[in-house]
N, C-alpha and C. Protein backbone atom coordinates (compact mmCIF):
# COMPACT_ATOMS: atom_id res chain seq x y z
N UNK A 1 119.40 114.79 85.09
CA UNK A 1 118.60 114.61 86.10
C UNK A 1 118.63 112.99 86.78
N UNK A 2 118.30 112.82 87.95
CA UNK A 2 118.20 111.71 88.98
C UNK A 2 117.45 110.85 88.30
N UNK A 3 117.77 109.39 88.60
CA UNK A 3 117.19 108.39 88.70
C UNK A 3 115.71 108.38 89.90
N UNK A 4 114.89 107.80 89.48
CA UNK A 4 113.89 107.82 90.84
C UNK A 4 114.22 106.94 92.00
N UNK A 5 115.02 106.14 92.07
CA UNK A 5 115.95 105.87 93.13
C UNK A 5 116.75 106.51 93.73
N UNK A 6 117.69 107.19 93.08
CA UNK A 6 118.08 108.58 93.46
C UNK A 6 117.65 109.50 94.02
N UNK A 7 116.46 109.96 93.58
CA UNK A 7 115.49 110.72 94.39
C UNK A 7 115.24 110.68 95.64
N UNK A 8 114.46 109.44 95.57
CA UNK A 8 114.27 108.81 96.63
C UNK A 8 115.20 108.92 97.76
N UNK A 9 116.69 108.04 97.46
CA UNK A 9 117.56 108.71 98.41
C UNK A 9 118.00 109.74 98.66
N UNK A 10 117.71 110.88 97.66
CA UNK A 10 118.05 112.15 98.18
C UNK A 10 116.91 112.67 99.12
N UNK A 11 115.65 112.21 98.88
CA UNK A 11 114.57 112.72 99.88
C UNK A 11 114.75 112.03 101.17
N UNK A 12 115.33 111.06 101.18
CA UNK A 12 115.66 110.26 102.27
C UNK A 12 116.38 110.71 103.36
N UNK A 13 117.80 111.03 102.83
CA UNK A 13 118.56 111.92 103.28
C UNK A 13 118.36 113.33 103.45
N UNK A 14 117.26 114.04 103.20
CA UNK A 14 116.92 115.28 103.54
C UNK A 14 116.03 115.18 104.83
N UNK A 15 115.13 114.24 104.76
CA UNK A 15 114.27 113.68 106.11
C UNK A 15 115.31 113.56 106.89
N UNK A 16 116.20 112.57 107.11
CA UNK A 16 117.53 112.47 108.21
C UNK A 16 117.67 113.59 108.62
N UNK A 17 118.06 115.21 107.77
CA UNK A 17 118.68 116.05 108.14
C UNK A 17 117.67 116.95 109.19
N UNK A 18 116.37 116.43 108.49
CA UNK A 18 115.13 117.38 108.99
C UNK A 18 115.06 116.44 110.73
N UNK A 19 115.15 115.21 110.76
CA UNK A 19 114.88 114.36 112.12
C UNK A 19 115.95 115.24 113.17
N UNK A 20 116.82 115.05 112.44
CA UNK A 20 118.26 115.44 113.63
C UNK A 20 118.40 116.99 113.64
N UNK A 21 117.67 117.75 113.13
CA UNK A 21 118.30 119.13 113.14
C UNK A 21 119.09 120.09 112.49
N UNK A 22 119.61 118.67 111.78
CA UNK A 22 120.85 119.31 110.99
C UNK A 22 120.89 119.87 109.43
N UNK A 23 120.17 121.07 109.28
CA UNK A 23 120.01 121.31 108.06
C UNK A 23 121.34 121.65 107.25
N UNK A 24 120.98 121.26 105.64
CA UNK A 24 122.26 121.27 104.79
C UNK A 24 122.29 122.84 104.50
N UNK A 25 123.18 123.25 104.65
CA UNK A 25 124.03 124.34 104.45
C UNK A 25 123.83 124.96 103.33
N UNK A 26 123.85 123.80 102.36
CA UNK A 26 124.18 123.81 100.89
C UNK A 26 122.48 124.16 100.12
N UNK A 27 121.62 123.64 100.77
CA UNK A 27 120.51 123.91 100.21
C UNK A 27 120.06 125.63 100.00
N UNK A 28 120.11 125.84 98.87
CA UNK A 28 119.55 127.11 98.11
C UNK A 28 118.64 127.91 98.31
N UNK A 29 118.63 129.01 99.00
CA UNK A 29 116.95 129.64 99.23
C UNK A 29 117.47 131.52 98.90
N UNK A 30 118.73 131.53 98.44
CA UNK A 30 119.10 132.81 98.30
C UNK A 30 118.45 133.95 97.00
N UNK A 31 118.60 134.70 96.97
CA UNK A 31 118.80 135.68 95.46
C UNK A 31 119.33 134.96 94.51
N UNK A 32 120.69 134.62 94.58
CA UNK A 32 121.08 133.95 93.60
C UNK A 32 120.32 132.65 92.75
N UNK A 33 120.33 132.05 93.58
CA UNK A 33 119.16 130.63 93.30
C UNK A 33 117.78 131.15 92.69
N UNK A 34 117.26 132.15 93.27
CA UNK A 34 116.18 132.76 92.47
C UNK A 34 115.93 133.02 91.17
N UNK A 35 117.45 133.91 91.04
CA UNK A 35 117.79 134.09 89.54
C UNK A 35 118.15 133.07 88.60
N UNK A 36 119.00 132.12 89.16
CA UNK A 36 119.14 130.83 88.42
C UNK A 36 117.62 129.93 88.19
N UNK A 37 116.91 130.13 88.88
CA UNK A 37 115.64 129.37 88.60
C UNK A 37 114.39 130.34 87.27
N UNK A 38 114.91 131.48 87.03
CA UNK A 38 114.52 132.35 86.17
C UNK A 38 114.20 131.40 84.67
N UNK A 39 115.37 130.53 84.69
CA UNK A 39 115.49 129.62 83.18
C UNK A 39 114.56 128.45 83.20
N UNK A 40 114.34 128.36 84.33
CA UNK A 40 113.43 126.79 84.49
C UNK A 40 113.44 126.52 85.81
N UNK A 41 112.67 125.33 85.97
CA UNK A 41 112.58 124.55 87.46
C UNK A 41 112.91 122.87 87.74
N UNK A 42 114.25 122.83 87.71
CA UNK A 42 114.93 121.24 87.86
C UNK A 42 114.39 120.77 88.83
N UNK A 43 113.04 120.69 89.01
CA UNK A 43 112.54 119.87 90.08
C UNK A 43 112.81 117.99 90.12
N UNK A 44 113.27 117.59 91.04
CA UNK A 44 113.73 116.14 90.88
C UNK A 44 112.55 115.40 91.33
N UNK A 45 111.57 116.07 91.82
CA UNK A 45 110.58 115.21 92.45
C UNK A 45 109.27 115.71 92.58
N UNK A 46 107.76 115.19 92.22
CA UNK A 46 106.83 116.01 92.57
C UNK A 46 105.95 115.22 93.62
N UNK A 47 105.60 115.98 94.42
CA UNK A 47 104.97 115.67 95.50
C UNK A 47 103.70 116.18 95.87
N UNK A 48 102.69 114.77 95.99
CA UNK A 48 101.08 114.98 96.22
C UNK A 48 101.05 114.86 97.81
N UNK A 49 100.91 115.96 98.27
CA UNK A 49 100.55 115.70 99.78
C UNK A 49 99.51 116.62 100.36
N UNK A 50 99.40 116.22 101.83
CA UNK A 50 98.34 116.69 102.53
C UNK A 50 98.41 118.36 102.97
N UNK A 51 97.40 119.13 102.70
CA UNK A 51 97.78 120.50 103.10
C UNK A 51 97.63 120.74 104.50
N UNK A 52 97.52 119.80 105.17
CA UNK A 52 98.04 119.83 106.88
C UNK A 52 99.28 121.14 107.38
N UNK A 53 99.27 122.03 107.94
CA UNK A 53 100.06 123.19 108.05
C UNK A 53 101.34 122.22 108.84
N UNK A 54 101.20 121.37 109.57
CA UNK A 54 102.70 120.43 109.80
C UNK A 54 103.18 119.62 109.01
N UNK A 55 102.65 119.42 107.82
CA UNK A 55 103.70 118.66 106.68
C UNK A 55 104.01 119.54 105.47
N UNK A 56 104.83 120.36 105.89
CA UNK A 56 105.51 121.48 104.41
C UNK A 56 106.48 120.65 103.93
N UNK A 57 106.54 119.63 102.61
CA UNK A 57 107.11 118.91 102.08
C UNK A 57 108.77 119.62 101.80
N UNK A 58 108.88 121.25 101.48
CA UNK A 58 109.93 121.31 101.23
C UNK A 58 110.97 121.37 102.78
N UNK A 59 110.41 121.64 103.73
CA UNK A 59 110.99 121.27 105.47
C UNK A 59 111.14 120.00 105.65
N UNK A 60 110.30 119.00 105.06
CA UNK A 60 110.54 117.65 106.09
C UNK A 60 111.73 116.86 104.96
N UNK A 61 111.91 117.56 103.80
CA UNK A 61 112.86 116.81 103.23
C UNK A 61 114.05 117.18 103.11
N UNK A 62 113.90 118.69 103.89
CA UNK A 62 115.28 119.52 103.68
C UNK A 62 115.60 119.72 102.19
N UNK A 63 114.99 120.54 101.25
CA UNK A 63 114.95 120.76 100.08
C UNK A 63 114.78 122.70 99.76
N UNK A 64 115.63 123.15 98.89
CA UNK A 64 115.19 124.31 98.51
C UNK A 64 114.35 124.86 97.54
N UNK A 65 114.81 125.94 96.92
CA UNK A 65 113.99 126.08 95.89
C UNK A 65 114.14 125.51 94.41
N UNK A 66 113.07 125.06 93.64
CA UNK A 66 113.28 124.69 92.76
C UNK A 66 113.59 123.32 92.80
N UNK A 67 113.64 122.62 93.89
CA UNK A 67 113.69 121.34 94.15
C UNK A 67 112.74 120.49 93.98
N UNK A 68 111.49 120.70 94.30
CA UNK A 68 110.34 120.07 94.65
C UNK A 68 109.01 120.64 93.79
N UNK A 69 108.57 120.10 92.99
CA UNK A 69 107.06 120.64 92.59
C UNK A 69 105.75 119.93 93.77
N UNK A 70 105.06 120.77 94.35
CA UNK A 70 104.40 120.14 95.34
C UNK A 70 102.88 120.70 95.27
N UNK A 71 102.17 119.62 94.97
CA UNK A 71 100.58 119.88 95.22
C UNK A 71 100.39 119.21 96.50
N UNK A 72 99.32 120.22 97.02
CA UNK A 72 98.93 120.11 98.36
C UNK A 72 97.58 120.53 98.18
N UNK A 73 96.38 119.13 98.76
CA UNK A 73 95.33 119.18 98.93
C UNK A 73 94.79 118.25 99.99
N UNK A 74 94.04 118.43 101.08
CA UNK A 74 93.32 117.73 102.54
C UNK A 74 93.21 116.40 101.55
N UNK A 75 93.91 115.65 102.47
CA UNK A 75 93.47 114.11 102.30
C UNK A 75 94.78 113.82 101.38
N UNK A 76 95.52 114.52 100.65
CA UNK A 76 96.18 113.95 99.46
C UNK A 76 95.48 113.37 98.75
N UNK A 77 93.90 113.84 98.63
CA UNK A 77 93.06 112.98 97.52
C UNK A 77 93.86 113.02 95.89
N UNK A 78 92.93 112.33 95.06
CA UNK A 78 93.33 112.47 93.56
C UNK A 78 91.95 113.03 92.91
N UNK A 79 92.12 114.03 92.31
CA UNK A 79 91.05 114.74 91.49
C UNK A 79 91.67 115.65 90.32
N UNK A 80 91.01 115.78 89.14
CA UNK A 80 91.63 115.94 88.01
C UNK A 80 92.57 116.96 87.72
N UNK A 81 92.37 118.31 88.54
CA UNK A 81 93.62 118.74 88.89
C UNK A 81 94.74 118.44 89.00
N UNK A 82 94.63 117.57 90.27
CA UNK A 82 95.87 117.22 90.98
C UNK A 82 96.40 116.35 89.78
N UNK A 83 95.84 115.38 89.11
CA UNK A 83 96.48 114.70 87.93
C UNK A 83 96.80 115.58 86.74
N UNK A 84 96.01 116.58 86.37
CA UNK A 84 96.97 117.44 85.73
C UNK A 84 97.97 117.87 86.15
N UNK A 85 98.20 118.61 86.89
CA UNK A 85 99.52 118.88 87.48
C UNK A 85 100.69 118.27 87.81
N UNK A 86 100.11 117.05 87.94
CA UNK A 86 101.39 115.86 87.86
C UNK A 86 101.90 115.75 86.74
N UNK A 87 100.70 115.63 85.64
CA UNK A 87 100.93 115.03 84.47
C UNK A 87 102.02 116.33 84.01
N UNK A 88 101.63 117.47 84.07
CA UNK A 88 102.33 119.05 83.38
C UNK A 88 103.92 118.82 84.21
N UNK A 89 103.88 118.40 85.48
CA UNK A 89 105.41 118.32 85.85
C UNK A 89 106.54 117.26 85.07
N UNK A 90 105.97 116.07 85.18
CA UNK A 90 106.15 114.52 84.55
C UNK A 90 106.55 115.28 82.92
N UNK A 91 105.78 115.56 82.44
CA UNK A 91 106.18 115.36 80.53
C UNK A 91 107.06 117.04 80.83
N UNK A 92 106.88 117.97 81.50
CA UNK A 92 107.42 119.03 80.97
C UNK A 92 109.17 119.49 81.48
N UNK A 93 109.28 118.44 82.45
CA UNK A 93 110.49 118.76 83.44
C UNK A 93 111.18 117.73 83.55
N UNK A 94 110.52 115.88 83.05
CA UNK A 94 110.96 115.00 83.26
C UNK A 94 111.21 114.61 84.45
N UNK A 95 110.82 115.10 85.48
CA UNK A 95 110.70 114.56 87.09
C UNK A 95 110.35 113.38 86.65
N UNK A 96 111.44 112.00 87.73
CA UNK A 96 111.21 110.92 87.61
C UNK A 96 110.35 110.55 88.39
N UNK A 97 110.08 110.85 89.66
CA UNK A 97 109.41 110.60 90.82
C UNK A 97 108.20 111.42 91.54
N UNK A 98 107.07 110.55 91.78
CA UNK A 98 105.87 111.17 92.42
C UNK A 98 106.07 110.73 93.61
N UNK A 99 105.60 111.27 94.68
CA UNK A 99 105.59 110.60 96.08
C UNK A 99 103.93 111.32 96.55
N UNK A 100 103.23 110.40 96.68
CA UNK A 100 102.30 110.57 97.35
C UNK A 100 102.50 110.70 98.92
N UNK A 101 102.73 112.01 99.51
CA UNK A 101 102.40 112.15 100.92
C UNK A 101 101.96 112.18 102.07
N UNK A 102 101.31 111.06 102.85
CA UNK A 102 100.49 111.17 103.69
C UNK A 102 100.70 111.32 105.11
N UNK A 103 100.12 111.30 106.02
CA UNK A 103 100.48 111.87 107.47
C UNK A 103 99.77 111.08 108.79
N UNK A 104 100.60 111.28 109.51
CA UNK A 104 99.65 110.22 110.68
C UNK A 104 98.65 111.16 111.12
N UNK A 105 97.17 111.08 111.54
CA UNK A 105 96.36 111.52 112.31
C UNK A 105 96.21 112.65 111.14
N UNK A 106 95.81 111.79 110.21
CA UNK A 106 95.13 113.14 109.13
C UNK A 106 93.82 113.44 109.15
N UNK A 107 93.37 114.72 109.52
CA UNK A 107 92.19 115.04 109.76
C UNK A 107 91.12 114.49 108.43
N UNK A 108 91.76 114.53 107.32
CA UNK A 108 90.45 114.25 106.23
C UNK A 108 90.22 112.98 106.24
N UNK A 109 91.18 111.85 106.71
CA UNK A 109 90.77 110.70 106.88
C UNK A 109 89.88 110.46 108.06
N UNK A 110 90.37 111.18 108.92
CA UNK A 110 89.89 111.09 110.56
C UNK A 110 88.18 111.28 110.03
N UNK A 111 87.75 112.38 109.17
CA UNK A 111 86.69 112.87 109.02
C UNK A 111 85.79 111.88 108.32
N UNK A 112 86.25 110.95 107.27
CA UNK A 112 85.86 110.13 106.48
C UNK A 112 85.58 108.68 107.40
N UNK A 113 86.16 108.60 108.46
CA UNK A 113 85.95 107.15 109.33
C UNK A 113 84.64 107.81 110.27
N UNK A 114 84.42 109.08 110.58
CA UNK A 114 83.37 109.65 111.41
C UNK A 114 82.12 109.91 110.27
N UNK A 115 82.42 110.14 109.23
CA UNK A 115 81.57 110.00 108.31
C UNK A 115 80.30 108.71 108.06
N UNK A 116 81.51 107.50 107.98
CA UNK A 116 81.30 106.60 107.51
C UNK A 116 80.20 105.76 109.11
N UNK A 117 80.83 106.15 110.02
CA UNK A 117 80.18 105.51 111.75
C UNK A 117 78.99 106.35 112.07
N UNK A 118 79.21 107.75 111.57
CA UNK A 118 78.00 108.82 112.12
C UNK A 118 77.57 109.68 110.52
N UNK A 119 77.16 109.55 109.93
CA UNK A 119 76.85 110.27 108.60
C UNK A 119 76.26 111.68 109.16
N UNK A 120 76.50 112.32 108.49
CA UNK A 120 76.22 113.98 108.65
C UNK A 120 75.45 114.66 107.35
N UNK A 121 74.39 115.32 107.58
CA UNK A 121 73.45 115.70 106.29
C UNK A 121 73.87 117.12 106.02
N UNK A 122 74.29 117.76 107.28
CA UNK A 122 74.86 119.17 107.37
C UNK A 122 76.30 119.12 106.76
N UNK A 123 76.96 118.27 106.24
CA UNK A 123 78.28 118.51 105.74
C UNK A 123 78.18 119.25 104.53
N UNK A 124 79.34 120.34 104.27
CA UNK A 124 79.14 121.04 103.08
C UNK A 124 79.76 120.19 102.03
N UNK A 125 78.90 120.32 100.74
CA UNK A 125 79.29 119.64 99.53
C UNK A 125 80.60 119.63 99.01
N UNK A 126 81.41 120.76 99.38
CA UNK A 126 83.10 120.60 98.92
C UNK A 126 83.83 119.66 99.98
N UNK A 127 83.12 120.08 101.40
CA UNK A 127 84.22 119.04 102.17
C UNK A 127 83.95 117.60 101.58
N UNK A 128 82.40 117.38 101.19
CA UNK A 128 82.10 115.87 101.18
C UNK A 128 82.57 115.17 99.94
N UNK A 129 83.12 116.20 98.93
CA UNK A 129 83.58 115.46 98.09
C UNK A 129 84.98 114.93 97.96
N UNK A 130 85.98 115.94 99.41
CA UNK A 130 87.10 115.24 99.83
C UNK A 130 87.03 113.68 100.80
N UNK A 131 85.59 113.90 101.21
CA UNK A 131 85.65 112.73 102.23
C UNK A 131 84.92 111.43 101.36
N UNK A 132 84.33 112.29 99.93
CA UNK A 132 83.55 110.45 99.26
C UNK A 132 85.09 110.17 98.26
N UNK A 133 85.93 110.84 97.85
CA UNK A 133 87.24 110.34 97.36
C UNK A 133 88.08 109.54 98.21
N UNK A 134 87.90 109.98 100.01
CA UNK A 134 88.87 109.09 100.63
C UNK A 134 87.83 107.46 100.67
N UNK A 135 86.67 107.92 101.05
CA UNK A 135 85.61 106.96 101.52
C UNK A 135 86.30 104.98 100.91
N UNK A 136 86.02 105.08 99.34
CA UNK A 136 86.21 103.93 99.01
C UNK A 136 87.73 103.03 99.35
N UNK A 137 88.86 103.62 99.82
CA UNK A 137 89.86 102.94 100.34
C UNK A 137 89.89 102.67 101.93
N UNK A 138 89.13 103.30 102.73
CA UNK A 138 88.97 103.08 104.24
C UNK A 138 87.45 102.37 104.78
N UNK A 139 86.41 102.30 103.63
CA UNK A 139 85.46 101.51 103.91
C UNK A 139 85.58 100.13 104.40
N UNK A 140 86.27 99.25 103.67
CA UNK A 140 86.36 97.95 103.89
C UNK A 140 87.40 97.81 105.28
N UNK A 141 87.58 98.75 105.54
CA UNK A 141 88.62 98.26 107.05
C UNK A 141 87.56 98.38 108.40
N UNK A 142 86.39 98.99 108.06
CA UNK A 142 85.48 98.75 108.96
C UNK A 142 84.79 97.55 109.18
N UNK A 143 84.79 96.56 108.29
CA UNK A 143 84.73 95.04 108.43
C UNK A 143 85.78 94.10 108.85
N UNK A 144 87.27 94.92 109.22
CA UNK A 144 88.06 94.02 110.17
C UNK A 144 87.54 93.77 111.13
N UNK A 145 88.41 92.67 111.88
CA UNK A 145 87.97 92.23 113.12
C UNK A 145 88.56 93.45 114.01
N UNK A 146 89.58 93.91 114.10
CA UNK A 146 89.87 95.24 115.24
C UNK A 146 89.39 96.19 114.79
N UNK A 147 88.60 96.71 113.84
CA UNK A 147 87.93 98.28 113.38
C UNK A 147 87.15 98.71 115.07
N UNK A 148 87.39 97.81 115.48
CA UNK A 148 86.80 98.57 116.71
C UNK A 148 88.00 99.20 117.57
N UNK A 149 89.17 99.51 117.19
CA UNK A 149 90.26 99.72 117.75
C UNK A 149 90.22 101.15 117.02
N UNK A 150 90.21 102.45 117.79
CA UNK A 150 89.93 103.27 116.89
C UNK A 150 91.36 104.22 116.39
N UNK A 151 92.51 103.53 117.21
CA UNK A 151 94.19 104.06 116.82
C UNK A 151 94.39 103.10 115.69
N UNK A 152 94.21 101.61 115.67
CA UNK A 152 94.74 100.85 114.77
C UNK A 152 94.15 101.23 113.71
N UNK A 153 92.47 101.64 113.84
CA UNK A 153 91.90 101.73 112.46
C UNK A 153 92.20 102.78 111.85
N UNK A 154 92.48 104.40 112.39
CA UNK A 154 93.05 105.39 111.95
C UNK A 154 94.20 105.00 111.04
N UNK A 155 95.21 104.52 111.69
CA UNK A 155 96.67 104.17 111.30
C UNK A 155 96.34 103.69 109.93
N UNK A 156 95.80 102.60 109.85
CA UNK A 156 95.57 101.46 108.74
C UNK A 156 94.76 102.51 107.86
N UNK A 157 93.77 102.94 108.14
CA UNK A 157 93.15 104.21 107.31
C UNK A 157 94.15 105.20 106.48
N UNK A 158 94.82 105.69 107.09
CA UNK A 158 95.81 106.53 106.38
C UNK A 158 96.56 105.91 105.24
N UNK A 159 97.49 104.82 105.43
CA UNK A 159 98.16 104.06 104.45
C UNK A 159 97.20 103.64 103.32
N UNK A 160 95.81 103.32 103.64
CA UNK A 160 95.14 102.75 102.76
C UNK A 160 94.56 104.01 101.86
N UNK A 161 94.59 105.04 102.52
CA UNK A 161 94.54 106.14 101.57
C UNK A 161 95.83 106.63 100.73
N UNK A 162 96.59 106.33 101.11
CA UNK A 162 98.10 106.72 100.27
C UNK A 162 98.34 105.70 99.38
N UNK A 163 97.82 104.20 99.54
CA UNK A 163 97.78 103.60 98.43
C UNK A 163 96.91 103.43 97.27
N UNK A 164 95.88 103.90 97.92
CA UNK A 164 94.43 104.21 96.90
C UNK A 164 94.91 105.40 95.86
N UNK A 165 95.44 106.57 96.59
CA UNK A 165 95.76 107.74 95.63
C UNK A 165 97.06 107.28 95.12
N UNK A 166 98.12 106.49 95.04
CA UNK A 166 99.28 106.25 94.25
C UNK A 166 98.35 105.41 93.34
N UNK A 167 97.91 104.45 93.67
CA UNK A 167 97.30 103.30 92.53
C UNK A 167 96.31 104.41 91.75
N UNK A 168 95.73 105.46 91.84
CA UNK A 168 95.03 105.93 91.45
C UNK A 168 95.80 106.67 90.20
N UNK A 169 97.12 107.44 90.58
CA UNK A 169 97.83 107.95 89.66
C UNK A 169 98.44 107.08 88.64
N UNK A 170 98.63 105.70 89.20
CA UNK A 170 99.22 104.83 88.03
C UNK A 170 98.51 104.49 87.18
N UNK A 171 97.33 104.51 87.47
CA UNK A 171 96.45 103.72 86.34
C UNK A 171 95.00 104.68 86.19
N UNK A 172 94.80 106.05 86.34
CA UNK A 172 94.09 106.90 86.21
C UNK A 172 94.08 108.01 85.08
N UNK A 173 95.32 107.60 84.65
CA UNK A 173 96.02 109.09 83.50
C UNK A 173 96.83 108.55 82.61
N UNK A 174 96.31 107.98 81.29
CA UNK A 174 97.32 107.62 80.14
C UNK A 174 98.53 108.20 79.97
N UNK A 175 98.69 109.30 80.07
CA UNK A 175 100.08 110.18 80.09
C UNK A 175 101.19 109.25 81.30
N UNK A 176 100.26 109.51 82.37
CA UNK A 176 101.48 108.97 83.79
C UNK A 176 101.55 107.46 83.39
N UNK A 177 100.60 106.73 83.01
CA UNK A 177 100.79 105.46 82.82
C UNK A 177 101.52 105.02 82.19
N UNK A 178 101.51 105.82 80.67
CA UNK A 178 102.63 105.28 79.79
C UNK A 178 103.99 105.69 80.08
N UNK A 179 104.13 106.65 81.04
CA UNK A 179 105.90 107.38 81.56
C UNK A 179 105.97 105.99 82.54
N UNK A 180 105.02 105.53 83.07
CA UNK A 180 105.33 104.56 83.95
C UNK A 180 106.12 103.08 83.13
N UNK A 181 105.16 102.84 82.38
CA UNK A 181 105.80 101.78 81.59
C UNK A 181 106.94 101.74 80.75
N UNK A 182 107.31 103.33 80.45
CA UNK A 182 108.80 103.19 79.72
C UNK A 182 109.37 103.33 80.64
N UNK A 183 109.35 103.21 81.83
CA UNK A 183 110.42 103.26 82.84
C UNK A 183 111.04 104.91 83.22
N UNK A 184 110.12 105.80 82.73
CA UNK A 184 110.35 107.28 83.19
C UNK A 184 109.58 107.70 84.28
N UNK A 185 109.23 106.96 84.91
CA UNK A 185 108.12 107.62 86.19
C UNK A 185 108.19 106.68 86.87
N UNK A 186 107.88 106.98 88.22
CA UNK A 186 108.02 106.12 89.21
C UNK A 186 107.01 106.66 90.27
N UNK A 187 105.94 106.00 90.65
CA UNK A 187 105.02 106.69 91.50
C UNK A 187 105.22 105.65 93.00
N UNK A 188 105.28 106.47 94.30
CA UNK A 188 105.32 105.70 95.53
C UNK A 188 104.31 106.47 96.41
N UNK A 189 104.33 105.59 97.22
CA UNK A 189 103.69 105.84 98.43
C UNK A 189 104.05 106.18 100.17
N UNK A 190 104.35 107.25 100.78
CA UNK A 190 105.00 107.00 102.05
C UNK A 190 104.12 107.75 102.67
N UNK A 191 104.66 108.02 104.29
CA UNK A 191 103.90 108.37 105.38
C UNK A 191 104.58 109.51 106.23
N UNK A 192 104.51 110.42 106.90
CA UNK A 192 105.33 111.26 107.34
C UNK A 192 104.42 110.95 108.94
N UNK A 193 105.38 110.86 109.94
CA UNK A 193 104.68 110.83 111.18
C UNK A 193 105.19 112.21 111.60
N UNK A 194 103.93 112.23 112.18
CA UNK A 194 103.98 113.76 112.81
C UNK A 194 104.27 113.86 114.56
N UNK A 195 105.04 112.30 114.73
CA UNK A 195 105.23 112.11 116.15
C UNK A 195 107.03 112.26 116.10
N UNK A 196 107.58 111.75 115.10
CA UNK A 196 108.98 111.39 115.04
C UNK A 196 109.71 112.49 113.81
N UNK A 197 108.56 113.15 113.00
CA UNK A 197 109.11 113.58 111.83
C UNK A 197 109.65 113.00 110.76
N UNK A 198 109.95 111.76 111.04
CA UNK A 198 110.01 110.64 110.05
C UNK A 198 109.43 110.33 108.70
N UNK A 199 109.84 110.15 107.66
CA UNK A 199 109.08 109.60 106.41
C UNK A 199 109.22 108.47 106.05
N UNK A 200 108.13 107.39 105.99
CA UNK A 200 108.60 106.18 105.89
C UNK A 200 107.61 105.76 104.26
N UNK A 201 108.83 105.52 103.51
CA UNK A 201 108.20 105.06 102.19
C UNK A 201 107.94 103.57 102.08
N UNK A 202 106.83 103.27 101.42
CA UNK A 202 106.17 101.98 101.87
C UNK A 202 105.67 101.59 100.99
N UNK A 203 105.32 102.42 99.87
CA UNK A 203 104.39 101.63 98.47
C UNK A 203 105.20 101.84 96.97
N UNK A 204 105.21 100.90 96.27
CA UNK A 204 105.61 101.09 95.05
C UNK A 204 107.06 101.53 94.93
N UNK A 205 107.95 101.02 95.85
CA UNK A 205 109.22 101.55 95.66
C UNK A 205 109.99 100.68 94.68
N UNK A 206 111.13 101.24 93.66
CA UNK A 206 111.91 100.60 93.06
C UNK A 206 113.08 100.14 93.83
N UNK A 207 113.20 98.54 93.13
CA UNK A 207 113.59 97.83 93.48
C UNK A 207 115.42 98.70 94.30
N UNK A 208 116.03 99.21 93.31
CA UNK A 208 117.36 99.61 93.62
C UNK A 208 117.48 100.73 95.24
N UNK A 209 116.06 101.03 95.37
CA UNK A 209 115.64 102.18 96.46
C UNK A 209 115.95 101.42 97.90
N UNK A 210 115.38 100.15 97.93
CA UNK A 210 115.13 99.82 99.29
C UNK A 210 116.07 99.67 100.30
């Protein structure tokens, strides 16, 4: 199994291929790989990403079958089911890395900002549950001096939400917290740019991966 730093390097290399349009022909997606994976899934990274159709983790990191354990939910928010899924993969497969993957122009983050500025009574309670999980991380940004700049506010809100989700995983699960303390798991935050296709790992990186 790769170390967390090696896993990050592998993801970065895959993302560079994605951005350049030069897919690794060694990435296995065929029937032989499917048969190999009947024995298990040797995933080297767990991705908690947004459900946005423009951010499919396997594609933007140029990875194949069995490489990534992917959980997708609007706004890459953290709820008990997501935590349980990550606990399962980290314990069962010994996967060393969790990436909370947000992205620019996130609709869930934008909906949260709009709710804070103009509350809506008619919002679905299910949608509101997503907004309510994002709200604590972005609400303080409305008090900043440049909060009137919508573009800057949205950019900062995306990153604040990613950091909050990563931090919640680090401290919201006894299992994950213990794995982190033992050096068996690293939880990082990253942002995918819809404009460039690049992924920026910016939160919680191990020193050897910088």
